[in-house]
PDB file of all heavy atoms in Angstrom:
ATOM      1  N   LEU A   1     -19.273  -0.311   3.952  1.00  0.00           N
ATOM      2  CA  LEU A   1     -18.925   1.117   4.483  1.00  0.00           C
ATOM      3  C   LEU A   1     -17.603   1.530   3.960  1.00  0.00           C
ATOM      4  O   LEU A   1     -17.324   2.755   3.732  1.00  0.00           O
ATOM      5  CB  LEU A   1     -18.880   0.990   6.032  1.00  0.00           C
ATOM      6  CG  LEU A   1     -20.263   0.810   6.726  1.00  0.00           C
ATOM      7  CD1 LEU A   1     -20.202   0.802   8.289  1.00  0.00           C
ATOM      8  CD2 LEU A   1     -21.287   1.897   6.342  1.00  0.00           C
ATOM      9  N   LEU A   2     -16.628   0.645   3.832  1.00  0.00           N
ATOM     10  CA  LEU A   2     -15.331   0.963   3.309  1.00  0.00           C
ATOM     11  C   LEU A   2     -15.455   1.424   1.876  1.00  0.00           C
ATOM     12  O   LEU A   2     -14.832   2.280   1.446  1.00  0.00           O
ATOM     13  CB  LEU A   2     -14.433  -0.262   3.429  1.00  0.00           C
ATOM     14  CG  LEU A   2     -12.982   0.027   3.079  1.00  0.00           C
ATOM     15  CD1 LEU A   2     -12.001  -0.958   3.892  1.00  0.00           C
ATOM     16  CD2 LEU A   2     -12.629  -0.143   1.571  1.00  0.00           C
ATOM     17  N   ARG A   3     -16.510   0.823   1.151  1.00  0.00           N
ATOM     18  CA  ARG A   3     -16.631   1.203  -0.229  1.00  0.00           C
ATOM     19  C   ARG A   3     -17.215   2.607  -0.412  1.00  0.00           C
ATOM     20  O   ARG A   3     -17.315   3.119  -1.526  1.00  0.00           O
ATOM     21  CB  ARG A   3     -17.547   0.135  -0.930  1.00  0.00           C
ATOM     22  CG  ARG A   3     -16.897  -1.155  -1.161  1.00  0.00           C
ATOM     23  CD  ARG A   3     -17.799  -2.256  -1.616  1.00  0.00           C
ATOM     24  NE  ARG A   3     -17.254  -3.498  -1.783  1.00  0.00           N
ATOM     25  CZ  ARG A   3     -16.760  -3.975  -3.010  1.00  0.00           C
ATOM     26  NH1 ARG A   3     -16.889  -3.237  -4.050  1.00  0.00           N
ATOM     27  NH2 ARG A   3     -16.276  -5.137  -3.000  1.00  0.00           N
ATOM     28  N   GLN A   4     -17.661   3.198   0.721  1.00  0.00           N
ATOM     29  CA  GLN A   4     -18.230   4.622   0.629  1.00  0.00           C
ATOM     30  C   GLN A   4     -17.144   5.601   0.872  1.00  0.00           C
ATOM     31  O   GLN A   4     -17.486   6.852   0.747  1.00  0.00           O
ATOM     32  CB  GLN A   4     -19.359   4.675   1.722  1.00  0.00           C
ATOM     33  CG  GLN A   4     -20.547   3.847   1.520  1.00  0.00           C
ATOM     34  CD  GLN A   4     -21.563   3.973   2.595  1.00  0.00           C
ATOM     35  OE1 GLN A   4     -21.667   4.930   3.341  1.00  0.00           O
ATOM     36  NE2 GLN A   4     -22.448   2.960   2.699  1.00  0.00           N
ATOM     37  N   THR A   5     -15.916   5.311   1.113  1.00  0.00           N
ATOM     38  CA  THR A   5     -14.901   6.204   1.356  1.00  0.00           C
ATOM     39  C   THR A   5     -14.406   6.908   0.087  1.00  0.00           C
ATOM     40  O   THR A   5     -14.605   6.360  -1.033  1.00  0.00           O
ATOM     41  CB  THR A   5     -13.725   5.593   2.020  1.00  0.00           C
ATOM     42  OG1 THR A   5     -13.073   4.555   1.226  1.00  0.00           O
ATOM     43  CG2 THR A   5     -14.045   4.991   3.454  1.00  0.00           C
ATOM     44  N   ASN A   6     -13.855   8.064   0.165  1.00  0.00           N
ATOM     45  CA  ASN A   6     -13.226   8.763  -1.043  1.00  0.00           C
ATOM     46  C   ASN A   6     -12.125   7.774  -1.617  1.00  0.00           C
ATOM     47  O   ASN A   6     -12.019   7.761  -2.833  1.00  0.00           O
ATOM     48  CB  ASN A   6     -12.572  10.023  -0.627  1.00  0.00           C
ATOM     49  CG  ASN A   6     -13.681  11.100  -0.212  1.00  0.00           C
ATOM     50  OD1 ASN A   6     -14.749  11.063  -0.770  1.00  0.00           O
ATOM     51  ND2 ASN A   6     -13.235  12.071   0.508  1.00  0.00           N
ATOM     52  N   ALA A   7     -11.429   7.128  -0.775  1.00  0.00           N
ATOM     53  CA  ALA A   7     -10.283   6.197  -1.300  1.00  0.00           C
ATOM     54  C   ALA A   7     -10.956   5.189  -2.198  1.00  0.00           C
ATOM     55  O   ALA A   7     -10.400   4.948  -3.381  1.00  0.00           O
ATOM     56  CB  ALA A   7      -9.607   5.598  -0.202  1.00  0.00           C
ATOM     57  N   TRP A   8     -11.968   4.573  -1.893  1.00  0.00           N
ATOM     58  CA  TRP A   8     -12.540   3.519  -2.685  1.00  0.00           C
ATOM     59  C   TRP A   8     -13.197   4.035  -3.921  1.00  0.00           C
ATOM     60  O   TRP A   8     -13.004   3.573  -5.087  1.00  0.00           O
ATOM     61  CB  TRP A   8     -13.671   2.801  -1.907  1.00  0.00           C
ATOM     62  CG  TRP A   8     -14.063   1.586  -2.632  1.00  0.00           C
ATOM     63  CD1 TRP A   8     -14.974   1.377  -3.663  1.00  0.00           C
ATOM     64  CD2 TRP A   8     -13.639   0.196  -2.447  1.00  0.00           C
ATOM     65  NE1 TRP A   8     -15.121   0.187  -4.031  1.00  0.00           N
ATOM     66  CE2 TRP A   8     -14.319  -0.643  -3.372  1.00  0.00           C
ATOM     67  CE3 TRP A   8     -12.745  -0.438  -1.589  1.00  0.00           C
ATOM     68  CZ2 TRP A   8     -14.168  -2.027  -3.496  1.00  0.00           C
ATOM     69  CZ3 TRP A   8     -12.545  -1.757  -1.593  1.00  0.00           C
ATOM     70  CH2 TRP A   8     -13.193  -2.571  -2.622  1.00  0.00           C
ATOM     71  N   LYS A   9     -13.914   5.234  -3.785  1.00  0.00           N
ATOM     72  CA  LYS A   9     -14.565   5.803  -4.949  1.00  0.00           C
ATOM     73  C   LYS A   9     -13.575   6.358  -6.038  1.00  0.00           C
ATOM     74  O   LYS A   9     -13.874   6.258  -7.203  1.00  0.00           O
ATOM     75  CB  LYS A   9     -15.452   6.984  -4.540  1.00  0.00           C
ATOM     76  CG  LYS A   9     -16.605   6.657  -3.622  1.00  0.00           C
ATOM     77  CD  LYS A   9     -17.418   7.797  -3.048  1.00  0.00           C
ATOM     78  CE  LYS A   9     -18.535   7.432  -2.199  1.00  0.00           C
ATOM     79  NZ  LYS A   9     -19.242   8.680  -1.605  1.00  0.00           N
ATOM     80  N   ASN A  10     -12.369   6.765  -5.561  1.00  0.00           N
ATOM     81  CA  ASN A  10     -11.432   7.303  -6.508  1.00  0.00           C
ATOM     82  C   ASN A  10     -10.306   6.229  -6.950  1.00  0.00           C
ATOM     83  O   ASN A  10      -9.400   6.584  -7.603  1.00  0.00           O
ATOM     84  CB  ASN A  10     -10.755   8.565  -5.856  1.00  0.00           C
ATOM     85  CG  ASN A  10     -11.806   9.667  -5.666  1.00  0.00           C
ATOM     86  OD1 ASN A  10     -12.615   9.836  -6.537  1.00  0.00           O
ATOM     87  ND2 ASN A  10     -11.582  10.356  -4.540  1.00  0.00           N
ATOM     88  N   GLY A  11     -10.560   5.024  -6.457  1.00  0.00           N
ATOM     89  CA  GLY A  11      -9.599   4.046  -6.845  1.00  0.00           C
ATOM     90  C   GLY A  11      -8.284   4.050  -6.210  1.00  0.00           C
ATOM     91  O   GLY A  11      -7.292   3.636  -6.730  1.00  0.00           O
ATOM     92  N   HIS A  12      -8.168   4.634  -4.932  1.00  0.00           N
ATOM     93  CA  HIS A  12      -6.999   4.774  -4.185  1.00  0.00           C
ATOM     94  C   HIS A  12      -6.949   3.760  -2.942  1.00  0.00           C
ATOM     95  O   HIS A  12      -6.401   4.191  -1.916  1.00  0.00           O
ATOM     96  CB  HIS A  12      -6.802   6.186  -3.758  1.00  0.00           C
ATOM     97  CG  HIS A  12      -6.533   7.092  -4.920  1.00  0.00           C
ATOM     98  ND1 HIS A  12      -6.497   8.470  -4.823  1.00  0.00           N
ATOM     99  CD2 HIS A  12      -6.199   6.762  -6.224  1.00  0.00           C
ATOM    100  CE1 HIS A  12      -6.142   8.994  -5.938  1.00  0.00           C
ATOM    101  NE2 HIS A  12      -5.969   8.042  -6.809  1.00  0.00           N
ATOM    102  N   VAL A  13      -7.539   2.630  -3.121  1.00  0.00           N
ATOM    103  CA  VAL A  13      -7.277   1.568  -2.118  1.00  0.00           C
ATOM    104  C   VAL A  13      -6.263   0.686  -2.535  1.00  0.00           C
ATOM    105  O   VAL A  13      -6.275  -0.001  -3.659  1.00  0.00           O
ATOM    106  CB  VAL A  13      -8.623   0.786  -1.770  1.00  0.00           C
ATOM    107  CG1 VAL A  13      -8.320  -0.382  -0.924  1.00  0.00           C
ATOM    108  CG2 VAL A  13      -9.738   1.675  -1.353  1.00  0.00           C
ATOM    109  N   VAL A  14      -5.119   0.590  -1.823  1.00  0.00           N
ATOM    110  CA  VAL A  14      -3.941  -0.155  -2.184  1.00  0.00           C
ATOM    111  C   VAL A  14      -3.874  -1.356  -1.350  1.00  0.00           C
ATOM    112  O   VAL A  14      -3.819  -1.327  -0.072  1.00  0.00           O
ATOM    113  CB  VAL A  14      -2.648   0.708  -2.014  1.00  0.00           C
ATOM    114  CG1 VAL A  14      -1.402  -0.209  -2.438  1.00  0.00           C
ATOM    115  CG2 VAL A  14      -2.672   1.986  -2.846  1.00  0.00           C
ATOM    116  N   PHE A  15      -3.977  -2.494  -1.965  1.00  0.00           N
ATOM    117  CA  PHE A  15      -3.776  -3.852  -1.271  1.00  0.00           C
ATOM    118  C   PHE A  15      -2.314  -4.070  -1.301  1.00  0.00           C
ATOM    119  O   PHE A  15      -1.695  -4.595  -2.284  1.00  0.00           O
ATOM    120  CB  PHE A  15      -4.525  -4.970  -2.036  1.00  0.00           C
ATOM    121  CG  PHE A  15      -6.094  -4.696  -1.929  1.00  0.00           C
ATOM    122  CD1 PHE A  15      -6.751  -3.937  -2.913  1.00  0.00           C
ATOM    123  CD2 PHE A  15      -6.796  -5.166  -0.876  1.00  0.00           C
ATOM    124  CE1 PHE A  15      -8.066  -3.761  -2.886  1.00  0.00           C
ATOM    125  CE2 PHE A  15      -8.143  -4.897  -0.731  1.00  0.00           C
ATOM    126  CZ  PHE A  15      -8.847  -4.184  -1.729  1.00  0.00           C
ATOM    127  N   ALA A  16      -1.701  -3.765  -0.137  1.00  0.00           N
ATOM    128  CA  ALA A  16      -0.257  -3.676  -0.020  1.00  0.00           C
ATOM    129  C   ALA A  16       0.406  -5.135  -0.045  1.00  0.00           C
ATOM    130  O   ALA A  16      -0.238  -6.183   0.181  1.00  0.00           O
ATOM    131  CB  ALA A  16       0.141  -3.019   1.270  1.00  0.00           C
ATOM    132  N   ASP A  17       1.676  -5.183  -0.411  1.00  0.00           N
ATOM    133  CA  ASP A  17       2.454  -6.356  -0.358  1.00  0.00           C
ATOM    134  C   ASP A  17       2.575  -6.834   1.094  1.00  0.00           C
ATOM    135  O   ASP A  17       3.475  -6.303   1.889  1.00  0.00           O
ATOM    136  CB  ASP A  17       3.797  -6.118  -0.949  1.00  0.00           C
ATOM    137  CG  ASP A  17       4.659  -7.424  -1.064  1.00  0.00           C
ATOM    138  OD1 ASP A  17       4.578  -8.292  -0.297  1.00  0.00           O
ATOM    139  OD2 ASP A  17       5.422  -7.498  -2.048  1.00  0.00           O
ATOM    140  N   ALA A  18       1.705  -7.665   1.591  1.00  0.00           N
ATOM    141  CA  ALA A  18       1.651  -8.036   2.976  1.00  0.00           C
ATOM    142  C   ALA A  18       2.961  -8.673   3.449  1.00  0.00           C
ATOM    143  O   ALA A  18       3.266  -8.469   4.717  1.00  0.00           O
ATOM    144  CB  ALA A  18       0.478  -9.008   3.242  1.00  0.00           C
ATOM    145  N   GLN A  19       3.606  -9.413   2.698  1.00  0.00           N
ATOM    146  CA  GLN A  19       4.847  -9.993   3.203  1.00  0.00           C
ATOM    147  C   GLN A  19       5.971  -8.994   3.391  1.00  0.00           C
ATOM    148  O   GLN A  19       6.798  -9.072   4.417  1.00  0.00           O
ATOM    149  CB  GLN A  19       5.310 -11.021   2.131  1.00  0.00           C
ATOM    150  CG  GLN A  19       4.405 -12.184   2.001  1.00  0.00           C
ATOM    151  CD  GLN A  19       4.864 -13.201   1.040  1.00  0.00           C
ATOM    152  OE1 GLN A  19       5.857 -13.064   0.253  1.00  0.00           O
ATOM    153  NE2 GLN A  19       4.020 -14.241   0.837  1.00  0.00           N
ATOM    154  N   ALA A  20       6.010  -7.887   2.567  1.00  0.00           N
ATOM    155  CA  ALA A  20       6.986  -6.813   2.859  1.00  0.00           C
ATOM    156  C   ALA A  20       6.610  -6.023   3.944  1.00  0.00           C
ATOM    157  O   ALA A  20       7.485  -5.627   4.771  1.00  0.00           O
ATOM    158  CB  ALA A  20       7.106  -6.001   1.593  1.00  0.00           C
ATOM    159  N   TRP A  21       5.338  -5.663   4.137  1.00  0.00           N
ATOM    160  CA  TRP A  21       4.860  -4.873   5.172  1.00  0.00           C
ATOM    161  C   TRP A  21       4.816  -5.592   6.558  1.00  0.00           C
ATOM    162  O   TRP A  21       5.084  -4.974   7.549  1.00  0.00           O
ATOM    163  CB  TRP A  21       3.507  -4.385   4.948  1.00  0.00           C
ATOM    164  CG  TRP A  21       3.267  -3.318   3.844  1.00  0.00           C
ATOM    165  CD1 TRP A  21       3.625  -3.428   2.506  1.00  0.00           C
ATOM    166  CD2 TRP A  21       2.858  -1.962   3.980  1.00  0.00           C
ATOM    167  NE1 TRP A  21       3.418  -2.210   1.858  1.00  0.00           N
ATOM    168  CE2 TRP A  21       2.870  -1.371   2.706  1.00  0.00           C
ATOM    169  CE3 TRP A  21       2.274  -1.251   5.059  1.00  0.00           C
ATOM    170  CZ2 TRP A  21       2.476  -0.026   2.516  1.00  0.00           C
ATOM    171  CZ3 TRP A  21       1.858   0.042   4.851  1.00  0.00           C
ATOM    172  CH2 TRP A  21       1.960   0.656   3.555  1.00  0.00           C
ATOM    173  N   TYR A  22       4.322  -6.913   6.504  1.00  0.00           N
ATOM    174  CA  TYR A  22       4.099  -7.513   7.850  1.00  0.00           C
ATOM    175  C   TYR A  22       5.264  -8.399   8.256  1.00  0.00           C
ATOM    176  O   TYR A  22       5.616  -8.467   9.491  1.00  0.00           O
ATOM    177  CB  TYR A  22       2.830  -8.278   7.857  1.00  0.00           C
ATOM    178  CG  TYR A  22       2.378  -8.732   9.206  1.00  0.00           C
ATOM    179  CD1 TYR A  22       1.849  -7.918  10.059  1.00  0.00           C
ATOM    180  CD2 TYR A  22       2.452 -10.100   9.611  1.00  0.00           C
ATOM    181  CE1 TYR A  22       1.359  -8.322  11.308  1.00  0.00           C
ATOM    182  CE2 TYR A  22       2.198 -10.542  10.790  1.00  0.00           C
ATOM    183  CZ  TYR A  22       1.552  -9.657  11.752  1.00  0.00           C
ATOM    184  OH  TYR A  22       1.184 -10.019  12.888  1.00  0.00           O
ATOM    185  N   VAL A  23       5.816  -9.167   7.312  1.00  0.00           N
ATOM    186  CA  VAL A  23       6.955 -10.142   7.780  1.00  0.00           C
ATOM    187  C   VAL A  23       8.299  -9.371   7.955  1.00  0.00           C
ATOM    188  O   VAL A  23       9.045  -9.758   8.776  1.00  0.00           O
ATOM    189  CB  VAL A  23       7.039 -11.193   6.717  1.00  0.00           C
ATOM    190  CG1 VAL A  23       8.284 -12.235   7.108  1.00  0.00           C
ATOM    191  CG2 VAL A  23       5.722 -12.006   6.605  1.00  0.00           C
ATOM    192  N   THR A  24       8.494  -8.391   7.173  1.00  0.00           N
ATOM    193  CA  THR A  24       9.788  -7.684   7.216  1.00  0.00           C
ATOM    194  C   THR A  24       9.675  -6.218   7.545  1.00  0.00           C
ATOM    195  O   THR A  24       9.636  -5.840   8.768  1.00  0.00           O
ATOM    196  CB  THR A  24      10.601  -7.816   5.941  1.00  0.00           C
ATOM    197  OG1 THR A  24       9.613  -7.493   4.783  1.00  0.00           O
ATOM    198  CG2 THR A  24      11.027  -9.266   5.698  1.00  0.00           C
ATOM    199  N   ALA A  25       9.671  -5.290   6.620  1.00  0.00           N
ATOM    200  CA  ALA A  25       9.399  -3.877   6.760  1.00  0.00           C
ATOM    201  C   ALA A  25      10.686  -3.142   7.486  1.00  0.00           C
ATOM    202  O   ALA A  25      10.532  -2.068   7.856  1.00  0.00           O
ATOM    203  CB  ALA A  25       8.150  -3.561   7.666  1.00  0.00           C
ATOM    204  N   ALA A  26      11.819  -3.831   7.463  1.00  0.00           N
ATOM    205  CA  ALA A  26      13.000  -3.248   8.029  1.00  0.00           C
ATOM    206  C   ALA A  26      14.263  -3.633   7.271  1.00  0.00           C
ATOM    207  O   ALA A  26      15.318  -3.820   7.887  1.00  0.00           O
ATOM    208  CB  ALA A  26      13.125  -3.501   9.521  1.00  0.00           C
ATOM    209  N   SER A  27      14.196  -3.874   5.996  1.00  0.00           N
ATOM    210  CA  SER A  27      15.286  -4.192   5.275  1.00  0.00           C
ATOM    211  C   SER A  27      15.173  -3.495   3.880  1.00  0.00           C
ATOM    212  O   SER A  27      14.058  -2.949   3.532  1.00  0.00           O
ATOM    213  CB  SER A  27      15.266  -5.742   4.890  1.00  0.00           C
ATOM    214  OG  SER A  27      14.231  -6.156   4.143  1.00  0.00           O
ATOM    215  N   VAL A  28      16.207  -3.521   3.127  1.00  0.00           N
ATOM    216  CA  VAL A  28      16.240  -2.707   1.830  1.00  0.00           C
ATOM    217  C   VAL A  28      15.154  -3.119   0.878  1.00  0.00           C
ATOM    218  O   VAL A  28      14.327  -2.262   0.415  1.00  0.00           O
ATOM    219  CB  VAL A  28      17.624  -2.812   1.189  1.00  0.00           C
ATOM    220  CG1 VAL A  28      17.611  -2.030  -0.201  1.00  0.00           C
ATOM    221  CG2 VAL A  28      18.685  -2.155   2.101  1.00  0.00           C
ATOM    222  N   ASN A  29      14.983  -4.438   0.564  1.00  0.00           N
ATOM    223  CA  ASN A  29      14.107  -4.847  -0.338  1.00  0.00           C
ATOM    224  C   ASN A  29      12.690  -4.572   0.143  1.00  0.00           C
ATOM    225  O   ASN A  29      11.776  -4.078  -0.667  1.00  0.00           O
ATOM    226  CB  ASN A  29      14.213  -6.367  -0.642  1.00  0.00           C
ATOM    227  CG  ASN A  29      15.147  -6.677  -1.712  1.00  0.00           C
ATOM    228  OD1 ASN A  29      15.214  -5.943  -2.658  1.00  0.00           O
ATOM    229  ND2 ASN A  29      15.827  -7.735  -1.604  1.00  0.00           N
ATOM    230  N   SER A  30      12.294  -4.790   1.338  1.00  0.00           N
ATOM    231  CA  SER A  30      11.021  -4.544   1.876  1.00  0.00           C
ATOM    232  C   SER A  30      10.639  -3.083   1.940  1.00  0.00           C
ATOM    233  O   SER A  30       9.479  -2.798   1.563  1.00  0.00           O
ATOM    234  CB  SER A  30      10.867  -5.231   3.257  1.00  0.00           C
ATOM    235  OG  SER A  30      11.743  -4.579   4.280  1.00  0.00           O
ATOM    236  N   ILE A  31      11.587  -2.325   2.223  1.00  0.00           N
ATOM    237  CA  ILE A  31      11.315  -0.866   2.300  1.00  0.00           C
ATOM    238  C   ILE A  31      11.028  -0.363   0.878  1.00  0.00           C
ATOM    239  O   ILE A  31      10.160   0.483   0.556  1.00  0.00           O
ATOM    240  CB  ILE A  31      12.458  -0.013   2.814  1.00  0.00           C
ATOM    241  CG1 ILE A  31      12.543  -0.399   4.431  1.00  0.00           C
ATOM    242  CG2 ILE A  31      12.315   1.477   2.706  1.00  0.00           C
ATOM    243  CD1 ILE A  31      11.325   0.064   5.157  1.00  0.00           C
ATOM    244  N   GLU A  32      11.792  -0.783  -0.120  1.00  0.00           N
ATOM    245  CA  GLU A  32      11.502  -0.424  -1.476  1.00  0.00           C
ATOM    246  C   GLU A  32      10.150  -0.835  -1.983  1.00  0.00           C
ATOM    247  O   GLU A  32       9.497  -0.120  -2.691  1.00  0.00           O
ATOM    248  CB  GLU A  32      12.652  -0.937  -2.410  1.00  0.00           C
ATOM    249  CG  GLU A  32      13.963  -0.225  -2.145  1.00  0.00           C
ATOM    250  CD  GLU A  32      15.111  -0.709  -3.008  1.00  0.00           C
ATOM    251  OE1 GLU A  32      14.914  -1.817  -3.738  1.00  0.00           O
ATOM    252  OE2 GLU A  32      16.063  -0.051  -3.131  1.00  0.00           O
ATOM    253  N   LEU A  33       9.765  -2.107  -1.545  1.00  0.00           N
ATOM    254  CA  LEU A  33       8.365  -2.534  -1.947  1.00  0.00           C
ATOM    255  C   LEU A  33       7.312  -1.743  -1.253  1.00  0.00           C
ATOM    256  O   LEU A  33       6.248  -1.445  -1.844  1.00  0.00           O
ATOM    257  CB  LEU A  33       8.238  -4.035  -1.594  1.00  0.00           C
ATOM    258  CG  LEU A  33       9.026  -5.020  -2.485  1.00  0.00           C
ATOM    259  CD1 LEU A  33       9.095  -6.460  -1.816  1.00  0.00           C
ATOM    260  CD2 LEU A  33       8.557  -4.996  -3.855  1.00  0.00           C
ATOM    261  N   ILE A  34       7.573  -1.354   0.035  1.00  0.00           N
ATOM    262  CA  ILE A  34       6.630  -0.481   0.668  1.00  0.00           C
ATOM    263  C   ILE A  34       6.505   0.850   0.090  1.00  0.00           C
ATOM    264  O   ILE A  34       5.352   1.444  -0.116  1.00  0.00           O
ATOM    265  CB  ILE A  34       7.086  -0.364   2.157  1.00  0.00           C
ATOM    266  CG1 ILE A  34       6.764  -1.693   2.960  1.00  0.00           C
ATOM    267  CG2 ILE A  34       6.183   0.773   2.955  1.00  0.00           C
ATOM    268  CD1 ILE A  34       7.311  -1.768   4.324  1.00  0.00           C
ATOM    269  N   ILE A  35       7.684   1.428  -0.256  1.00  0.00           N
ATOM    270  CA  ILE A  35       7.623   2.698  -1.054  1.00  0.00           C
ATOM    271  C   ILE A  35       6.760   2.627  -2.312  1.00  0.00           C
ATOM    272  O   ILE A  35       6.079   3.514  -2.610  1.00  0.00           O
ATOM    273  CB  ILE A  35       9.045   3.229  -1.333  1.00  0.00           C
ATOM    274  CG1 ILE A  35       9.732   3.668  -0.018  1.00  0.00           C
ATOM    275  CG2 ILE A  35       8.976   4.386  -2.264  1.00  0.00           C
ATOM    276  CD1 ILE A  35      11.280   3.955  -0.195  1.00  0.00           C
ATOM    277  N   ASP A  36       6.983   1.507  -3.105  1.00  0.00           N
ATOM    278  CA  ASP A  36       6.193   1.406  -4.265  1.00  0.00           C
ATOM    279  C   ASP A  36       4.732   1.340  -3.926  1.00  0.00           C
ATOM    280  O   ASP A  36       3.917   1.994  -4.703  1.00  0.00           O
ATOM    281  CB  ASP A  36       6.605  -0.012  -4.924  1.00  0.00           C
ATOM    282  CG  ASP A  36       7.954   0.049  -5.598  1.00  0.00           C
ATOM    283  OD1 ASP A  36       8.581   1.195  -5.837  1.00  0.00           O
ATOM    284  OD2 ASP A  36       8.557  -1.026  -5.880  1.00  0.00           O
ATOM    285  N   ASP A  37       4.293   0.648  -2.862  1.00  0.00           N
ATOM    286  CA  ASP A  37       2.880   0.666  -2.520  1.00  0.00           C
ATOM    287  C   ASP A  37       2.390   2.045  -2.138  1.00  0.00           C
ATOM    288  O   ASP A  37       1.298   2.440  -2.534  1.00  0.00           O
ATOM    289  CB  ASP A  37       2.635  -0.360  -1.368  1.00  0.00           C
ATOM    290  CG  ASP A  37       2.664  -1.808  -1.845  1.00  0.00           C
ATOM    291  OD1 ASP A  37       2.527  -2.102  -3.024  1.00  0.00           O
ATOM    292  OD2 ASP A  37       2.889  -2.719  -0.988  1.00  0.00           O
ATOM    293  N   VAL A  38       3.238   2.769  -1.349  1.00  0.00           N
ATOM    294  CA  VAL A  38       2.733   4.063  -0.882  1.00  0.00           C
ATOM    295  C   VAL A  38       2.620   4.913  -1.907  1.00  0.00           C
ATOM    296  O   VAL A  38       1.575   5.707  -2.042  1.00  0.00           O
ATOM    297  CB  VAL A  38       3.803   4.625   0.201  1.00  0.00           C
ATOM    298  CG1 VAL A  38       3.646   6.079   0.497  1.00  0.00           C
ATOM    299  CG2 VAL A  38       3.816   3.812   1.444  1.00  0.00           C
ATOM    300  N   VAL A  39       3.594   4.986  -2.810  1.00  0.00           N
ATOM    301  CA  VAL A  39       3.517   5.937  -4.070  1.00  0.00           C
ATOM    302  C   VAL A  39       2.274   5.515  -4.924  1.00  0.00           C
ATOM    303  O   VAL A  39       1.669   6.514  -5.446  1.00  0.00           O
ATOM    304  CB  VAL A  39       4.818   5.874  -4.813  1.00  0.00           C
ATOM    305  CG1 VAL A  39       4.731   6.653  -6.161  1.00  0.00           C
ATOM    306  CG2 VAL A  39       5.980   6.576  -4.001  1.00  0.00           C
ATOM    307  N   SER A  40       1.983   4.388  -5.078  1.00  0.00           N
ATOM    308  CA  SER A  40       0.823   3.943  -5.901  1.00  0.00           C
ATOM    309  C   SER A  40      -0.488   4.604  -5.406  1.00  0.00           C
ATOM    310  O   SER A  40      -1.344   4.726  -6.220  1.00  0.00           O
ATOM    311  CB  SER A  40       0.778   2.449  -6.018  1.00  0.00           C
ATOM    312  OG  SER A  40       0.385   1.859  -4.827  1.00  0.00           O
ATOM    313  N   GLY A  41      -0.466   4.768  -4.204  1.00  0.00           N
ATOM    314  CA  GLY A  41      -1.722   5.332  -3.572  1.00  0.00           C
ATOM    315  C   GLY A  41      -2.007   6.828  -4.088  1.00  0.00           C
ATOM    316  O   GLY A  41      -3.167   7.360  -3.937  1.00  0.00           O
ATOM    317  N   TYR A  42      -1.044   7.418  -4.685  1.00  0.00           N
ATOM    318  CA  TYR A  42      -1.165   8.857  -5.147  1.00  0.00           C
ATOM    319  C   TYR A  42      -1.270   8.909  -6.637  1.00  0.00           C
ATOM    320  O   TYR A  42      -1.379  10.044  -7.226  1.00  0.00           O
ATOM    321  CB  TYR A  42       0.030   9.705  -4.638  1.00  0.00           C
ATOM    322  CG  TYR A  42       0.089   9.816  -3.187  1.00  0.00           C
ATOM    323  CD1 TYR A  42       0.614   8.816  -2.315  1.00  0.00           C
ATOM    324  CD2 TYR A  42      -0.510  10.959  -2.534  1.00  0.00           C
ATOM    325  CE1 TYR A  42       0.546   8.945  -1.001  1.00  0.00           C
ATOM    326  CE2 TYR A  42      -0.444  11.067  -1.168  1.00  0.00           C
ATOM    327  CZ  TYR A  42       0.038  10.047  -0.294  1.00  0.00           C
ATOM    328  OH  TYR A  42       0.045  10.120   0.982  1.00  0.00           O
ATOM    329  N   ARG A  43      -1.311   7.796  -7.364  1.00  0.00           N
ATOM    330  CA  ARG A  43      -1.473   7.828  -8.704  1.00  0.00           C
ATOM    331  C   ARG A  43      -2.890   7.910  -9.203  1.00  0.00           C
ATOM    332  O   ARG A  43      -3.648   7.197  -8.566  1.00  0.00           O
ATOM    333  CB  ARG A  43      -0.790   6.608  -9.388  1.00  0.00           C
ATOM    334  CG  ARG A  43       0.746   6.442  -9.222  1.00  0.00           C
ATOM    335  CD  ARG A  43       1.341   5.443 -10.071  1.00  0.00           C
ATOM    336  NE  ARG A  43       2.786   5.352  -9.820  1.00  0.00           N
ATOM    337  CZ  ARG A  43       3.455   4.368  -9.128  1.00  0.00           C
ATOM    338  NH1 ARG A  43       2.653   3.392  -8.759  1.00  0.00           N
ATOM    339  NH2 ARG A  43       4.751   4.292  -8.990  1.00  0.00           N
TER     340      ARG A  43
END
């Protein structure tokens, strides 16, 4: 079912840096890694 979404069909499923998103997400390095992941979803 997930593979039927627009995101999957257009190659915009981002497998995020789980350690940056889940373990941290509130420091400079982790936010920069999250931003990289977020921006990659629009490429």
